[in-house]
Amino acid sequence: MNLTISGHHLEVTPALREYVLTKLDPVTRHFDQVVGVTVLLSVEKLKEKERRQKAEVTLHVKGRDIFVENAHEDLYAAIDQLMDKLDRQVCRHKEMMQDHHHRSPKRLDAAQQ
């Protein structure tokens, strides 16, 4: 799995990198077909004292890319909410990928005869 963590208008510290990795761990445990992950952390200056921290994730899985973004005043809170959203998206994608078509008992009996 390829993992890229980058920052836009901020430096990605080892503490931030470790925090993102620990939050990504349950997501990658739920779905093992992850090809790559791109995380972008950024700071947007809206007014002189007001700042908005933004976190984005693009998860490359087999057959699809899942993109999630979230913004908050605190970067750690933005990452927490982002990973919750990403976990729900991955679970939904995994559910859609599973085959829910079961053979009916009638057809199983006919096949055995």
N, C-alpha and C. Protein backbone atom coordinates (compact mmCIF):
# COMPACT_ATOMS: atom_id res chain seq x y z
N MET A 1 0.85 -1.18 0.00
CA MET A 1 0.00 0.00 0.00
C MET A 1 0.89 1.24 0.00
N ASN A 2 0.63 2.14 -0.92
CA ASN A 2 1.36 3.41 -0.99
C ASN A 2 0.66 4.44 -0.12
N LEU A 3 1.42 5.12 0.71
CA LEU A 3 0.86 6.13 1.60
C LEU A 3 1.62 7.43 1.40
N THR A 4 0.88 8.51 1.12
CA THR A 4 1.46 9.83 0.96
C THR A 4 0.75 10.78 1.89
N ILE A 5 1.50 11.44 2.77
CA ILE A 5 0.94 12.45 3.67
C ILE A 5 1.66 13.75 3.36
N SER A 6 0.91 14.76 2.92
CA SER A 6 1.53 16.04 2.57
C SER A 6 0.76 17.18 3.20
N GLY A 7 1.42 18.32 3.29
CA GLY A 7 0.82 19.49 3.89
C GLY A 7 0.83 20.66 2.94
N HIS A 8 -0.20 21.47 3.01
CA HIS A 8 -0.32 22.67 2.19
C HIS A 8 -0.41 23.85 3.14
N HIS A 9 0.59 24.70 3.13
CA HIS A 9 0.71 25.84 4.05
C HIS A 9 0.93 25.40 5.49
N LEU A 10 1.44 24.19 5.69
CA LEU A 10 1.84 23.74 7.01
C LEU A 10 2.85 22.62 6.88
N GLU A 11 3.65 22.44 7.90
CA GLU A 11 4.65 21.38 7.92
C GLU A 11 4.05 20.16 8.60
N VAL A 12 4.21 19.01 7.97
CA VAL A 12 3.71 17.77 8.55
C VAL A 12 4.74 17.27 9.55
N THR A 13 4.43 17.43 10.82
CA THR A 13 5.34 17.02 11.89
C THR A 13 5.25 15.51 12.08
N PRO A 14 6.25 14.92 12.72
CA PRO A 14 6.17 13.47 13.01
C PRO A 14 4.96 13.12 13.89
N ALA A 15 4.55 14.02 14.78
CA ALA A 15 3.37 13.76 15.61
C ALA A 15 2.11 13.70 14.75
N LEU A 16 1.98 14.62 13.80
CA LEU A 16 0.83 14.60 12.88
C LEU A 16 0.83 13.34 12.03
N ARG A 17 2.00 12.98 11.52
CA ARG A 17 2.13 11.78 10.69
C ARG A 17 1.72 10.54 11.48
N GLU A 18 2.18 10.43 12.71
CA GLU A 18 1.85 9.29 13.55
C GLU A 18 0.36 9.26 13.88
N TYR A 19 -0.24 10.43 14.11
CA TYR A 19 -1.66 10.51 14.42
C TYR A 19 -2.50 10.04 13.23
N VAL A 20 -2.13 10.47 12.03
CA VAL A 20 -2.85 10.04 10.82
C VAL A 20 -2.70 8.53 10.63
N LEU A 21 -1.51 8.01 10.84
CA LEU A 21 -1.29 6.57 10.68
C LEU A 21 -2.12 5.74 11.66
N THR A 22 -2.21 6.20 12.92
CA THR A 22 -3.01 5.45 13.89
C THR A 22 -4.50 5.52 13.56
N LYS A 23 -4.93 6.63 13.00
CA LYS A 23 -6.34 6.76 12.62
C LYS A 23 -6.66 5.98 11.35
N LEU A 24 -5.69 5.80 10.47
CA LEU A 24 -5.90 5.04 9.23
C LEU A 24 -5.90 3.53 9.47
N ASP A 25 -5.30 3.09 10.55
CA ASP A 25 -5.17 1.66 10.80
C ASP A 25 -6.50 0.90 10.81
N PRO A 26 -7.53 1.37 11.53
CA PRO A 26 -8.81 0.62 11.49
C PRO A 26 -9.45 0.59 10.11
N VAL A 27 -9.27 1.64 9.34
CA VAL A 27 -9.85 1.69 7.99
C VAL A 27 -9.20 0.63 7.10
N THR A 28 -7.88 0.51 7.18
CA THR A 28 -7.20 -0.48 6.35
C THR A 28 -7.44 -1.90 6.88
N ARG A 29 -7.78 -2.03 8.15
CA ARG A 29 -8.13 -3.35 8.68
C ARG A 29 -9.50 -3.80 8.18
N HIS A 30 -10.43 -2.86 8.01
CA HIS A 30 -11.77 -3.22 7.53
C HIS A 30 -11.75 -3.68 6.08
N PHE A 31 -10.86 -3.11 5.29
CA PHE A 31 -10.86 -3.39 3.86
C PHE A 31 -9.43 -3.61 3.43
N ASP A 32 -9.09 -4.81 3.01
CA ASP A 32 -7.70 -5.14 2.72
C ASP A 32 -7.29 -4.91 1.26
N GLN A 33 -8.18 -4.44 0.41
CA GLN A 33 -7.85 -4.23 -0.99
C GLN A 33 -7.48 -2.78 -1.28
N VAL A 34 -6.83 -2.12 -0.33
CA VAL A 34 -6.42 -0.73 -0.50
C VAL A 34 -5.11 -0.71 -1.29
N VAL A 35 -5.11 0.04 -2.41
CA VAL A 35 -3.93 0.15 -3.25
C VAL A 35 -3.04 1.29 -2.78
N GLY A 36 -3.66 2.43 -2.48
CA GLY A 36 -2.89 3.59 -2.04
C GLY A 36 -3.75 4.59 -1.29
N VAL A 37 -3.09 5.41 -0.48
CA VAL A 37 -3.77 6.43 0.30
C VAL A 37 -3.00 7.73 0.14
N THR A 38 -3.72 8.81 -0.16
CA THR A 38 -3.13 10.14 -0.25
C THR A 38 -3.85 11.03 0.75
N VAL A 39 -3.09 11.60 1.69
CA VAL A 39 -3.64 12.48 2.72
C VAL A 39 -3.07 13.87 2.50
N LEU A 40 -3.95 14.88 2.46
CA LEU A 40 -3.53 16.26 2.31
C LEU A 40 -4.07 17.06 3.49
N LEU A 41 -3.15 17.64 4.25
CA LEU A 41 -3.52 18.49 5.39
C LEU A 41 -3.20 19.92 5.00
N SER A 42 -4.16 20.84 5.23
CA SER A 42 -3.93 22.21 4.81
C SER A 42 -4.54 23.19 5.81
N VAL A 43 -4.05 24.42 5.73
CA VAL A 43 -4.55 25.52 6.56
C VAL A 43 -5.01 26.61 5.61
N GLU A 44 -6.25 27.05 5.79
CA GLU A 44 -6.78 28.15 4.99
C GLU A 44 -6.96 29.36 5.90
N LYS A 45 -6.44 30.48 5.48
CA LYS A 45 -6.58 31.70 6.25
C LYS A 45 -7.80 32.45 5.72
N LEU A 46 -8.84 32.52 6.53
CA LEU A 46 -10.06 33.20 6.10
C LEU A 46 -9.99 34.68 6.44
N LYS A 47 -9.75 35.01 7.67
CA LYS A 47 -9.59 36.39 8.11
C LYS A 47 -8.28 36.49 8.86
N GLU A 48 -8.03 37.62 9.48
CA GLU A 48 -6.75 37.82 10.13
C GLU A 48 -6.50 36.84 11.27
N LYS A 49 -7.49 36.62 12.13
CA LYS A 49 -7.31 35.72 13.26
C LYS A 49 -8.01 34.38 13.06
N GLU A 50 -8.86 34.28 12.08
CA GLU A 50 -9.65 33.07 11.89
C GLU A 50 -8.95 32.15 10.89
N ARG A 51 -8.76 30.91 11.30
CA ARG A 51 -8.13 29.92 10.43
C ARG A 51 -9.00 28.68 10.36
N ARG A 52 -8.95 28.03 9.23
CA ARG A 52 -9.70 26.79 9.07
C ARG A 52 -8.73 25.68 8.67
N GLN A 53 -8.70 24.62 9.46
CA GLN A 53 -7.83 23.48 9.19
C GLN A 53 -8.62 22.48 8.35
N LYS A 54 -8.01 21.98 7.31
CA LYS A 54 -8.71 21.10 6.39
C LYS A 54 -7.91 19.82 6.18
N ALA A 55 -8.60 18.70 6.15
CA ALA A 55 -7.96 17.40 5.91
C ALA A 55 -8.71 16.69 4.79
N GLU A 56 -7.97 16.12 3.85
CA GLU A 56 -8.56 15.39 2.73
C GLU A 56 -7.86 14.05 2.59
N VAL A 57 -8.64 13.05 2.20
CA VAL A 57 -8.08 11.71 1.96
C VAL A 57 -8.64 11.19 0.65
N THR A 58 -7.76 10.64 -0.17
CA THR A 58 -8.17 9.91 -1.35
C THR A 58 -7.67 8.48 -1.17
N LEU A 59 -8.60 7.56 -1.09
CA LEU A 59 -8.29 6.15 -0.87
C LEU A 59 -8.47 5.42 -2.20
N HIS A 60 -7.40 4.87 -2.72
CA HIS A 60 -7.45 4.14 -3.99
C HIS A 60 -7.66 2.66 -3.68
N VAL A 61 -8.83 2.17 -4.05
CA VAL A 61 -9.14 0.76 -3.86
C VAL A 61 -9.37 0.14 -5.23
N LYS A 62 -9.43 -1.16 -5.25
CA LYS A 62 -9.60 -1.86 -6.51
C LYS A 62 -10.94 -1.48 -7.15
N GLY A 63 -10.87 -0.81 -8.29
CA GLY A 63 -12.06 -0.46 -9.03
C GLY A 63 -12.66 0.90 -8.71
N ARG A 64 -12.13 1.63 -7.74
CA ARG A 64 -12.76 2.89 -7.37
C ARG A 64 -11.82 3.73 -6.50
N ASP A 65 -12.03 5.03 -6.52
CA ASP A 65 -11.34 5.94 -5.61
C ASP A 65 -12.37 6.55 -4.67
N ILE A 66 -12.06 6.57 -3.39
CA ILE A 66 -12.95 7.15 -2.39
C ILE A 66 -12.31 8.43 -1.89
N PHE A 67 -13.03 9.55 -2.03
CA PHE A 67 -12.52 10.85 -1.61
C PHE A 67 -13.37 11.38 -0.48
N VAL A 68 -12.71 11.83 0.60
CA VAL A 68 -13.40 12.40 1.75
C VAL A 68 -12.62 13.63 2.20
N GLU A 69 -13.36 14.68 2.56
CA GLU A 69 -12.70 15.88 3.09
C GLU A 69 -13.50 16.41 4.27
N ASN A 70 -12.78 17.11 5.16
CA ASN A 70 -13.43 17.68 6.33
C ASN A 70 -12.63 18.90 6.78
N ALA A 71 -13.33 19.89 7.32
CA ALA A 71 -12.67 21.10 7.82
C ALA A 71 -13.14 21.38 9.24
N HIS A 72 -12.24 21.92 10.05
CA HIS A 72 -12.54 22.22 11.45
C HIS A 72 -11.53 23.26 11.92
N GLU A 73 -11.81 23.88 13.06
CA GLU A 73 -10.87 24.84 13.62
C GLU A 73 -9.60 24.16 14.12
N ASP A 74 -9.74 22.92 14.61
CA ASP A 74 -8.61 22.16 15.12
C ASP A 74 -8.28 21.05 14.12
N LEU A 75 -7.01 20.92 13.76
CA LEU A 75 -6.61 19.94 12.76
C LEU A 75 -6.83 18.51 13.24
N TYR A 76 -6.57 18.25 14.51
CA TYR A 76 -6.77 16.91 15.05
C TYR A 76 -8.25 16.52 15.03
N ALA A 77 -9.12 17.47 15.33
CA ALA A 77 -10.58 17.20 15.27
C ALA A 77 -11.00 16.96 13.83
N ALA A 78 -10.42 17.70 12.89
CA ALA A 78 -10.73 17.51 11.47
C ALA A 78 -10.31 16.11 11.03
N ILE A 79 -9.15 15.64 11.49
CA ILE A 79 -8.68 14.30 11.13
C ILE A 79 -9.59 13.24 11.74
N ASP A 80 -10.02 13.44 12.99
CA ASP A 80 -10.94 12.48 13.64
C ASP A 80 -12.23 12.34 12.85
N GLN A 81 -12.85 13.46 12.53
CA GLN A 81 -14.12 13.43 11.79
C GLN A 81 -13.92 12.87 10.39
N LEU A 82 -12.79 13.18 9.79
CA LEU A 82 -12.48 12.67 8.45
C LEU A 82 -12.38 11.15 8.45
N MET A 83 -11.70 10.60 9.43
CA MET A 83 -11.53 9.15 9.48
C MET A 83 -12.84 8.43 9.78
N ASP A 84 -13.73 9.07 10.55
CA ASP A 84 -15.06 8.49 10.77
C ASP A 84 -15.83 8.42 9.46
N LYS A 85 -15.79 9.50 8.69
CA LYS A 85 -16.46 9.52 7.39
C LYS A 85 -15.87 8.48 6.46
N LEU A 86 -14.54 8.40 6.44
CA LEU A 86 -13.86 7.45 5.57
C LEU A 86 -14.21 6.02 5.94
N ASP A 87 -14.29 5.72 7.22
CA ASP A 87 -14.65 4.39 7.67
C ASP A 87 -16.04 4.00 7.20
N ARG A 88 -16.99 4.94 7.30
CA ARG A 88 -18.35 4.66 6.82
C ARG A 88 -18.36 4.43 5.31
N GLN A 89 -17.60 5.22 4.56
CA GLN A 89 -17.55 5.07 3.10
C GLN A 89 -16.94 3.71 2.72
N VAL A 90 -15.87 3.33 3.42
CA VAL A 90 -15.21 2.06 3.12
C VAL A 90 -16.13 0.89 3.44
N CYS A 91 -16.84 0.96 4.56
CA CYS A 91 -17.78 -0.11 4.91
C CYS A 91 -18.90 -0.20 3.88
N ARG A 92 -19.39 0.94 3.41
CA ARG A 92 -20.43 0.95 2.39
C ARG A 92 -19.91 0.35 1.08
N HIS A 93 -18.68 0.71 0.70
CA HIS A 93 -18.08 0.18 -0.51
C HIS A 93 -17.88 -1.33 -0.40
N LYS A 94 -17.43 -1.78 0.75
CA LYS A 94 -17.22 -3.21 0.97
C LYS A 94 -18.53 -3.97 0.89
N GLU A 95 -19.58 -3.37 1.43
CA GLU A 95 -20.92 -4.00 1.39
C GLU A 95 -21.41 -4.13 -0.05
N MET A 96 -21.15 -3.11 -0.86
CA MET A 96 -21.58 -3.16 -2.26
C MET A 96 -20.77 -4.19 -3.06
N MET A 97 -19.52 -4.41 -2.67
CA MET A 97 -18.66 -5.34 -3.40
C MET A 97 -19.01 -6.80 -3.13
N GLN A 98 -19.62 -7.07 -1.97
CA GLN A 98 -19.94 -8.45 -1.63
C GLN A 98 -21.07 -8.96 -2.50
N ASP A 99 -21.03 -10.24 -2.78
CA ASP A 99 -22.06 -10.88 -3.60
C ASP A 99 -23.22 -11.27 -2.69
N HIS A 100 -24.36 -10.65 -2.89
CA HIS A 100 -25.53 -10.94 -2.07
C HIS A 100 -26.50 -11.89 -2.77
N HIS A 101 -26.11 -12.42 -3.91
CA HIS A 101 -26.99 -13.31 -4.66
C HIS A 101 -26.69 -14.75 -4.25
N HIS A 102 -27.61 -15.33 -3.53
CA HIS A 102 -27.46 -16.70 -3.09
C HIS A 102 -28.35 -17.58 -3.95
N ARG A 103 -27.94 -18.79 -4.13
CA ARG A 103 -28.77 -19.72 -4.90
C ARG A 103 -29.94 -20.16 -4.04
N SER A 104 -31.09 -20.20 -4.62
CA SER A 104 -32.27 -20.58 -3.86
C SER A 104 -32.24 -22.08 -3.57
N PRO A 105 -32.91 -22.51 -2.50
CA PRO A 105 -32.92 -23.94 -2.16
C PRO A 105 -33.53 -24.80 -3.27
N LYS A 106 -34.48 -24.25 -4.03
CA LYS A 106 -35.10 -24.98 -5.12
C LYS A 106 -34.06 -25.35 -6.18
N ARG A 107 -33.21 -24.40 -6.51
CA ARG A 107 -32.18 -24.63 -7.52
C ARG A 107 -31.08 -25.57 -7.00
N LEU A 108 -30.81 -25.52 -5.71
CA LEU A 108 -29.82 -26.42 -5.16
C LEU A 108 -30.30 -27.87 -5.23
N ASP A 109 -31.60 -28.10 -4.93
CA ASP A 109 -32.17 -29.44 -5.01
C ASP A 109 -32.15 -29.95 -6.44
N ALA A 110 -32.44 -29.10 -7.41
CA ALA A 110 -32.47 -29.50 -8.81
C ALA A 110 -31.05 -29.83 -9.30
N ALA A 111 -30.07 -29.14 -8.82
CA ALA A 111 -28.69 -29.36 -9.24
C ALA A 111 -28.15 -30.67 -8.68
N GLN A 112 -28.63 -31.09 -7.52
CA GLN A 112 -28.13 -32.30 -6.89
C GLN A 112 -28.73 -33.55 -7.54
N GLN A 113 -29.86 -33.46 -8.19
CA GLN A 113 -30.53 -34.63 -8.76
C GLN A 113 -29.98 -35.02 -10.08
